[in-house]
Amino acid sequence: MADSIVKPASVELLDMPMLQPSSDFSRWRERQFNRLIQWITRRQARGWAEMMDHQQHAQLAESVREFRDARAKEAAVKPVLMDDAFRDTIREPVIDGLGEWISAKTAPDDAAILYVPGGAFIMKRSDRMTALAARLARMADARLRIADYRLAPEHPCPAAVDDVESALLGLYDDGYAPEKTVVACDSAGGSIALAALLRLKSRGVPMPAGLAMFSPWLDLALTGYSLLSSGLSGVSPFTMEMTALCARLYLQDKVLAIEPDASPIFGDLSGLPPMLVHVSQEDSFFDDSKLLAKRIKEVDGRMLMRVWPMGGHVWEHEFSTDADKSIQETARFIRGCFEGADMLY
């Protein structure tokens, strides 16, 4: 499929073919597994809801921490795959904040990616998330800082937005010019990253050169139909109940779901940098990406949205040909942003 040159104000939607489509049996087996995950998470959701109803804050926080640790273990990656993800890269700690640096060995010193991982606002960064960031850094031949942030329910909204805002300003302070900085994110990291950009824009702070998003979750009011339909059909392991509870744990009545700090898709989206969005039609948050395209078009913004027919939510966490293709195309977009190219790749 040919790439499209994006004019100064345009929104392009491209249908992408799967390089390795799943067999019917694999699809059936995946749906059965998703229904099992749904059953498990519904039990967890009922427990959390009861704790919320009885204001058992300490018990709730402890239960979330246990859930967080268990999910991180389940997302562990085999050492051979982690070694491959990190080949030709260098890992360094972030001295003055949350996260770490992952840099391609040949990366130039004057450009950087700020990566905001997802995790439904409550999950700590897993091996799969870290491996995705490492592959992006290597394929983009760039320096990449992962911007970890404080998690809910211990630290409700807007703590995560505060942390990402500070991380981007920190890159600017370290000498990375806005035109040599790109923000990338996945899932709930999309909401946090976009909210931070809206804040900075309102204060007159220069925008980065681009924003790349994998399967962003942008609407905490949960108005998209895809969240309901994908769960009911078994296409996705996510349920409306668990998603709503994660949003509740993050917001805690301190911020309304329709406020820009929570759901930046309802904010003023004018004046933002060029955007690239990669999403699957089977993603629970597919409608969030469609709504973003609609809102960006309304303000004459620039956005390229690539849509895959299957793959689920942030399938780039997987180690597959299609995941590599998505990451490679995102890396190409980022390199173009660094070079000041007037197109979305």
Protein backbone atom coordinates (compact mmCIF):
# COMPACT_ATOMS: atom_id res chain seq x y z
CA MET A 1 0.00 0.00 0.00
CA ALA A 2 1.39 3.36 -0.98
CA ASP A 3 2.09 5.94 1.71
CA SER A 4 0.14 9.17 1.56
CA ILE A 5 1.67 12.62 1.67
CA VAL A 6 -0.31 14.60 4.23
CA LYS A 7 -1.16 18.18 3.35
CA PRO A 8 -0.95 20.99 5.94
CA ALA A 9 -4.44 20.19 7.22
CA SER A 10 -5.69 16.67 6.62
CA VAL A 11 -6.73 13.41 8.22
CA GLU A 12 -5.87 10.23 6.35
CA LEU A 13 -7.25 6.76 7.18
CA LEU A 14 -5.47 3.78 5.68
CA ASP A 15 -6.69 0.17 5.78
CA MET A 16 -3.72 -2.10 6.43
CA PRO A 17 -3.47 -5.78 5.43
CA MET A 18 -2.35 -8.43 7.93
CA LEU A 19 0.95 -10.03 6.96
CA GLN A 20 0.13 -13.21 8.88
CA PRO A 21 -3.65 -13.56 9.36
CA SER A 22 -4.79 -16.07 11.98
CA SER A 23 -6.54 -19.32 11.10
CA ASP A 24 -10.18 -19.87 12.00
CA PHE A 25 -9.18 -22.31 14.73
CA SER A 26 -6.69 -19.84 16.21
CA ARG A 27 -9.38 -17.19 16.23
CA TRP A 28 -11.85 -19.50 17.97
CA ARG A 29 -9.26 -20.50 20.57
CA GLU A 30 -8.37 -16.84 21.19
CA ARG A 31 -12.01 -15.95 21.83
CA GLN A 32 -12.38 -18.78 24.32
CA PHE A 33 -9.27 -17.57 26.15
CA ASN A 34 -10.62 -14.01 26.13
CA ARG A 35 -13.85 -15.20 27.74
CA LEU A 36 -11.85 -16.91 30.47
CA ILE A 37 -9.95 -13.68 31.12
CA GLN A 38 -13.25 -11.81 31.22
CA TRP A 39 -14.62 -14.21 33.82
CA ILE A 40 -11.54 -13.76 36.00
CA THR A 41 -11.53 -9.97 35.73
CA ARG A 42 -15.26 -9.75 36.44
CA ARG A 43 -14.67 -11.53 39.74
CA GLN A 44 -11.88 -9.05 40.49
CA ALA A 45 -14.10 -6.14 39.48
CA ARG A 46 -16.90 -7.25 41.82
CA GLY A 47 -14.47 -7.33 44.72
CA TRP A 48 -13.14 -3.86 43.97
CA ALA A 49 -16.64 -2.46 43.57
CA GLU A 50 -17.63 -3.81 46.99
CA MET A 51 -14.54 -2.25 48.57
CA MET A 52 -15.38 1.08 46.94
CA ASP A 53 -18.98 0.90 48.12
CA HIS A 54 -17.86 0.26 51.71
CA GLN A 55 -15.02 2.84 51.49
CA GLN A 56 -12.41 0.20 52.31
CA HIS A 57 -9.59 2.30 50.87
CA ALA A 58 -6.66 0.45 52.45
CA GLN A 59 -7.99 -2.96 51.39
CA LEU A 60 -8.68 -1.67 47.89
CA ALA A 61 -5.17 -0.27 47.48
CA GLU A 62 -3.64 -3.54 48.67
CA SER A 63 -5.84 -5.58 46.32
CA VAL A 64 -4.83 -3.40 43.37
CA ARG A 65 -1.14 -3.78 44.27
CA GLU A 66 -1.51 -7.57 44.34
CA PHE A 67 -3.35 -7.51 41.00
CA ARG A 68 -0.65 -5.23 39.59
CA ASP A 69 2.17 -7.55 40.64
CA ALA A 70 0.37 -10.64 39.34
CA ARG A 71 -0.27 -9.11 35.92
CA ALA A 72 3.35 -7.96 35.65
CA LYS A 73 4.53 -11.54 36.24
CA GLU A 74 2.12 -12.85 33.64
CA ALA A 75 3.50 -10.36 31.12
CA ALA A 76 7.07 -11.54 31.65
CA VAL A 77 8.99 -12.13 28.42
CA LYS A 78 11.41 -14.97 27.73
CA PRO A 79 15.04 -13.85 28.07
CA VAL A 80 15.82 -14.70 24.44
CA LEU A 81 13.07 -12.36 23.25
CA MET A 82 14.14 -9.59 25.61
CA ASP A 83 17.72 -9.96 24.41
CA ASP A 84 16.54 -9.60 20.82
CA ALA A 85 14.40 -6.56 21.67
CA PHE A 86 17.37 -4.83 23.29
CA ARG A 87 20.00 -5.76 20.74
CA ASP A 88 22.14 -2.81 19.64
CA THR A 89 20.69 -0.62 22.40
CA ILE A 90 21.98 0.88 25.64
CA ARG A 91 19.92 1.10 28.86
CA GLU A 92 20.55 3.88 31.35
CA PRO A 93 18.68 5.03 34.47
CA VAL A 94 16.88 8.34 34.64
CA ILE A 95 18.71 10.18 37.39
CA ASP A 96 16.14 12.82 38.26
CA GLY A 97 12.81 11.10 37.70
CA LEU A 98 10.70 8.07 36.84
CA GLY A 99 11.60 5.77 33.97
CA GLU A 100 14.76 4.91 32.07
CA TRP A 101 16.67 5.67 28.88
CA ILE A 102 16.84 3.11 26.07
CA SER A 103 18.98 4.28 23.18
CA ALA A 104 20.08 2.80 19.89
CA LYS A 105 23.86 2.53 19.89
CA THR A 106 24.14 4.69 16.77
CA ALA A 107 21.50 7.23 17.82
CA PRO A 108 22.33 10.93 17.39
CA ASP A 109 22.60 12.96 20.59
CA ASP A 110 20.32 15.81 19.57
CA ALA A 111 16.96 14.02 19.22
CA ALA A 112 14.79 12.05 21.64
CA ILE A 113 11.54 10.10 21.96
CA LEU A 114 9.48 10.42 25.13
CA TYR A 115 7.57 7.16 25.52
CA VAL A 116 4.49 7.01 27.78
CA PRO A 117 3.47 3.39 28.46
CA GLY A 118 -0.07 2.25 29.10
CA GLY A 119 -1.44 0.03 31.82
CA ALA A 120 -5.03 1.21 32.48
CA PHE A 121 -3.64 3.87 34.85
CA ILE A 122 -3.07 1.24 37.56
CA MET A 123 -0.48 -1.15 36.12
CA LYS A 124 3.27 -0.82 36.38
CA ARG A 125 5.40 -1.16 33.27
CA SER A 126 5.78 -4.79 32.20
CA ASP A 127 8.50 -6.54 30.19
CA ARG A 128 6.25 -6.40 27.12
CA MET A 129 5.86 -2.64 27.40
CA THR A 130 9.59 -2.16 27.91
CA ALA A 131 10.42 -4.44 24.98
CA LEU A 132 8.09 -2.44 22.71
CA ALA A 133 9.86 0.77 23.69
CA ALA A 134 13.27 -0.84 23.05
CA ARG A 135 12.25 -2.06 19.60
CA LEU A 136 10.94 1.41 18.74
CA ALA A 137 14.19 3.05 19.88
CA ARG A 138 16.28 0.62 17.82
CA MET A 139 14.15 0.85 14.67
CA ALA A 140 14.01 4.66 14.88
CA ASP A 141 17.76 4.81 15.61
CA ALA A 142 16.95 7.18 18.44
CA ARG A 143 17.38 7.93 22.09
CA LEU A 144 14.19 7.09 23.98
CA ARG A 145 13.19 8.00 27.49
CA ILE A 146 10.40 5.94 29.05
CA ALA A 147 8.27 8.26 31.16
CA ASP A 148 6.95 6.17 34.02
CA TYR A 149 4.39 7.93 36.18
CA ARG A 150 2.69 7.57 39.53
CA LEU A 151 -0.11 5.01 39.51
CA ALA A 152 -3.70 4.96 40.70
CA PRO A 153 -5.34 4.45 43.09
CA GLU A 154 -2.45 5.61 45.27
CA HIS A 155 -1.97 8.66 43.06
CA PRO A 156 -5.20 9.68 41.27
CA CYS A 157 -5.52 11.97 38.26
CA PRO A 158 -3.84 14.33 37.47
CA ALA A 159 -0.66 12.95 39.08
CA ALA A 160 0.27 10.93 35.97
CA VAL A 161 -0.31 13.96 33.74
CA ASP A 162 1.88 16.04 36.05
CA ASP A 163 4.68 13.48 35.76
CA VAL A 164 4.60 13.26 31.96
CA GLU A 165 4.39 17.04 31.65
CA SER A 166 7.50 17.31 33.83
CA ALA A 167 9.28 14.62 31.81
CA LEU A 168 8.76 16.47 28.52
CA LEU A 169 9.84 19.78 30.04
CA GLY A 170 12.86 17.93 31.42
CA LEU A 171 13.89 16.90 27.90
CA TYR A 172 13.59 20.50 26.76
CA ASP A 173 15.69 21.61 29.74
CA ASP A 174 18.31 19.00 28.86
CA GLY A 175 18.77 20.63 25.46
CA TYR A 176 16.45 18.60 23.23
CA ALA A 177 14.73 21.13 20.99
CA PRO A 178 10.97 20.67 20.49
CA GLU A 179 11.53 20.06 16.76
CA LYS A 180 13.87 17.20 17.72
CA THR A 181 11.47 15.64 20.23
CA VAL A 182 8.64 13.19 19.55
CA VAL A 183 6.13 11.78 22.02
CA ALA A 184 5.02 8.16 21.60
CA CYS A 185 2.55 6.23 23.73
CA ASP A 186 0.20 3.28 23.96
CA SER A 187 -3.21 2.58 25.49
CA ALA A 188 -3.88 4.67 28.62
CA GLY A 189 -0.55 6.37 28.00
CA GLY A 190 -2.31 8.07 25.10
CA SER A 191 -4.72 9.87 27.42
CA ILE A 192 -1.92 10.90 29.76
CA ALA A 193 0.42 12.07 26.99
CA LEU A 194 -2.24 14.02 25.10
CA ALA A 195 -3.51 15.64 28.30
CA ALA A 196 0.05 16.76 29.10
CA LEU A 197 0.43 18.27 25.62
CA LEU A 198 -2.85 20.18 25.96
CA ARG A 199 -1.65 21.64 29.24
CA LEU A 200 1.66 22.73 27.78
CA LYS A 201 0.01 24.15 24.68
CA SER A 202 -2.34 26.27 26.84
CA ARG A 203 0.74 27.77 28.51
CA GLY A 204 2.43 28.58 25.21
CA VAL A 205 5.10 25.87 25.52
CA PRO A 206 6.31 24.70 22.07
CA MET A 207 4.88 21.41 20.92
CA PRO A 208 7.10 18.44 20.03
CA ALA A 209 7.61 17.53 16.39
CA GLY A 210 5.14 14.65 16.43
CA LEU A 211 2.89 12.35 18.43
CA ALA A 212 2.72 8.59 17.73
CA MET A 213 0.04 6.47 19.38
CA PHE A 214 -0.54 2.71 19.58
CA SER A 215 -4.19 1.83 20.34
CA PRO A 216 -4.82 4.93 22.48
CA TRP A 217 -7.45 5.02 25.22
CA LEU A 218 -8.60 8.65 25.15
CA ASP A 219 -12.21 8.67 26.38
CA LEU A 220 -12.66 7.86 30.08
CA ALA A 221 -16.37 8.60 29.78
CA LEU A 222 -16.46 5.31 27.82
CA THR A 223 -18.82 6.56 25.12
CA GLY A 224 -17.40 4.34 22.37
CA TYR A 225 -19.49 1.37 21.28
CA SER A 226 -16.43 -0.73 20.41
CA LEU A 227 -15.62 -1.25 24.11
CA LEU A 228 -18.99 -2.91 24.65
CA SER A 229 -19.20 -4.87 21.40
CA SER A 230 -15.66 -6.31 21.48
CA GLY A 231 -16.14 -7.57 25.01
CA LEU A 232 -19.53 -9.16 24.37
CA SER A 233 -18.28 -10.90 21.23
CA GLY A 234 -15.17 -12.28 22.92
CA VAL A 235 -12.90 -10.54 20.43
CA SER A 236 -11.28 -8.68 23.33
CA PRO A 237 -10.48 -9.78 26.89
CA PHE A 238 -11.54 -6.35 28.18
CA THR A 239 -14.93 -5.86 29.80
CA MET A 240 -16.91 -2.67 30.26
CA GLU A 241 -17.01 -3.31 34.02
CA MET A 242 -13.26 -3.61 34.54
CA THR A 243 -12.49 -0.69 32.23
CA ALA A 244 -14.98 1.51 34.09
CA LEU A 245 -13.44 0.53 37.42
CA CYS A 246 -9.93 1.37 36.22
CA ALA A 247 -11.20 4.78 35.13
CA ARG A 248 -12.87 5.18 38.53
CA LEU A 249 -9.67 4.26 40.37
CA TYR A 250 -7.83 6.88 38.33
CA LEU A 251 -10.36 9.71 38.61
CA GLN A 252 -11.76 9.14 42.14
CA ASP A 253 -14.22 12.03 41.80
CA LYS A 254 -11.28 14.47 41.74
CA VAL A 255 -11.54 15.01 37.98
CA LEU A 256 -14.61 14.56 35.80
CA ALA A 257 -14.33 11.99 33.02
CA ILE A 258 -15.04 14.65 30.39
CA GLU A 259 -12.37 17.10 31.59
CA PRO A 260 -9.27 17.39 29.38
CA ASP A 261 -6.92 16.14 32.11
CA ALA A 262 -8.91 12.88 32.11
CA SER A 263 -10.19 12.63 28.53
CA PRO A 264 -8.14 15.00 26.37
CA ILE A 265 -10.21 14.06 23.35
CA PHE A 266 -12.84 16.48 24.70
CA GLY A 267 -10.33 19.34 24.96
CA ASP A 268 -9.14 21.90 22.42
CA LEU A 269 -7.17 19.82 19.91
CA SER A 270 -6.09 22.68 17.69
CA GLY A 271 -2.40 23.49 17.38
CA LEU A 272 -1.15 19.98 18.14
CA PRO A 273 1.74 18.32 16.28
CA PRO A 274 1.24 15.82 13.44
CA MET A 275 -0.15 12.55 14.74
CA LEU A 276 0.22 8.92 13.75
CA VAL A 277 -2.28 6.40 15.18
CA HIS A 278 -2.04 2.63 14.76
CA VAL A 279 -5.14 0.68 15.80
CA SER A 280 -7.02 -2.54 15.12
CA GLN A 281 -10.69 -2.79 14.25
CA GLU A 282 -10.93 -5.41 17.00
CA ASP A 283 -9.48 -3.11 19.62
CA SER A 284 -11.84 -2.28 22.48
CA PHE A 285 -10.80 1.35 22.09
CA PHE A 286 -11.13 1.49 18.30
CA ASP A 287 -13.88 4.09 18.61
CA ASP A 288 -11.53 6.34 20.61
CA SER A 289 -9.22 6.50 17.59
CA LYS A 290 -12.14 7.19 15.26
CA LEU A 291 -13.35 9.98 17.53
CA LEU A 292 -9.83 11.43 17.62
CA ALA A 293 -9.73 11.47 13.81
CA LYS A 294 -13.08 13.26 13.75
CA ARG A 295 -11.96 15.86 16.31
CA ILE A 296 -8.62 16.46 14.57
CA LYS A 297 -10.41 16.96 11.26
CA GLU A 298 -12.73 19.51 12.88
CA VAL A 299 -9.76 21.67 13.89
CA ASP A 300 -7.88 21.20 10.57
CA GLY A 301 -5.17 19.16 12.22
CA ARG A 302 -2.83 16.59 10.72
CA MET A 303 -3.24 12.90 11.43
CA LEU A 304 -2.61 9.57 9.75
CA MET A 305 -4.56 6.62 11.14
CA ARG A 306 -3.59 3.12 10.07
CA VAL A 307 -6.27 0.53 10.72
CA TRP A 308 -5.59 -3.22 10.85
CA PRO A 309 -8.49 -5.70 10.53
CA MET A 310 -7.37 -7.71 13.57
CA GLY A 311 -4.65 -7.77 16.17
CA GLY A 312 -6.34 -6.66 19.38
CA HIS A 313 -5.25 -3.98 21.80
CA VAL A 314 -1.62 -2.83 21.40
CA TRP A 315 -0.71 -5.97 19.48
CA GLU A 316 2.73 -4.38 19.12
CA HIS A 317 3.47 -5.90 22.54
CA GLU A 318 3.62 -9.24 20.76
CA PHE A 319 6.67 -10.56 18.94
CA SER A 320 5.26 -11.06 15.45
CA THR A 321 5.77 -9.96 11.87
CA ASP A 322 2.76 -7.65 12.04
CA ALA A 323 3.95 -6.10 15.30
CA ASP A 324 7.36 -5.44 13.76
CA LYS A 325 5.69 -3.88 10.71
CA SER A 326 3.67 -1.50 12.89
CA ILE A 327 6.70 -0.52 14.95
CA GLN A 328 8.82 -0.03 11.81
CA GLU A 329 6.22 2.29 10.26
CA THR A 330 6.02 4.25 13.51
CA ALA A 331 9.81 4.50 13.61
CA ARG A 332 9.75 5.85 10.05
CA PHE A 333 7.23 8.51 11.07
CA ILE A 334 9.44 9.51 14.01
CA ARG A 335 12.55 9.80 11.84
CA GLY A 336 10.58 11.98 9.44
CA CYS A 337 9.54 14.24 12.33
CA PHE A 338 13.17 14.61 13.41
CA GLU A 339 14.15 15.49 9.85
CA GLY A 340 11.40 18.08 9.51
CA ALA A 341 9.77 16.24 6.61
CA ASP A 342 6.39 17.71 5.64
CA MET A 343 4.64 14.35 5.47
CA LEU A 344 3.37 11.54 7.62
CA TYR A 345 5.00 8.22 6.87
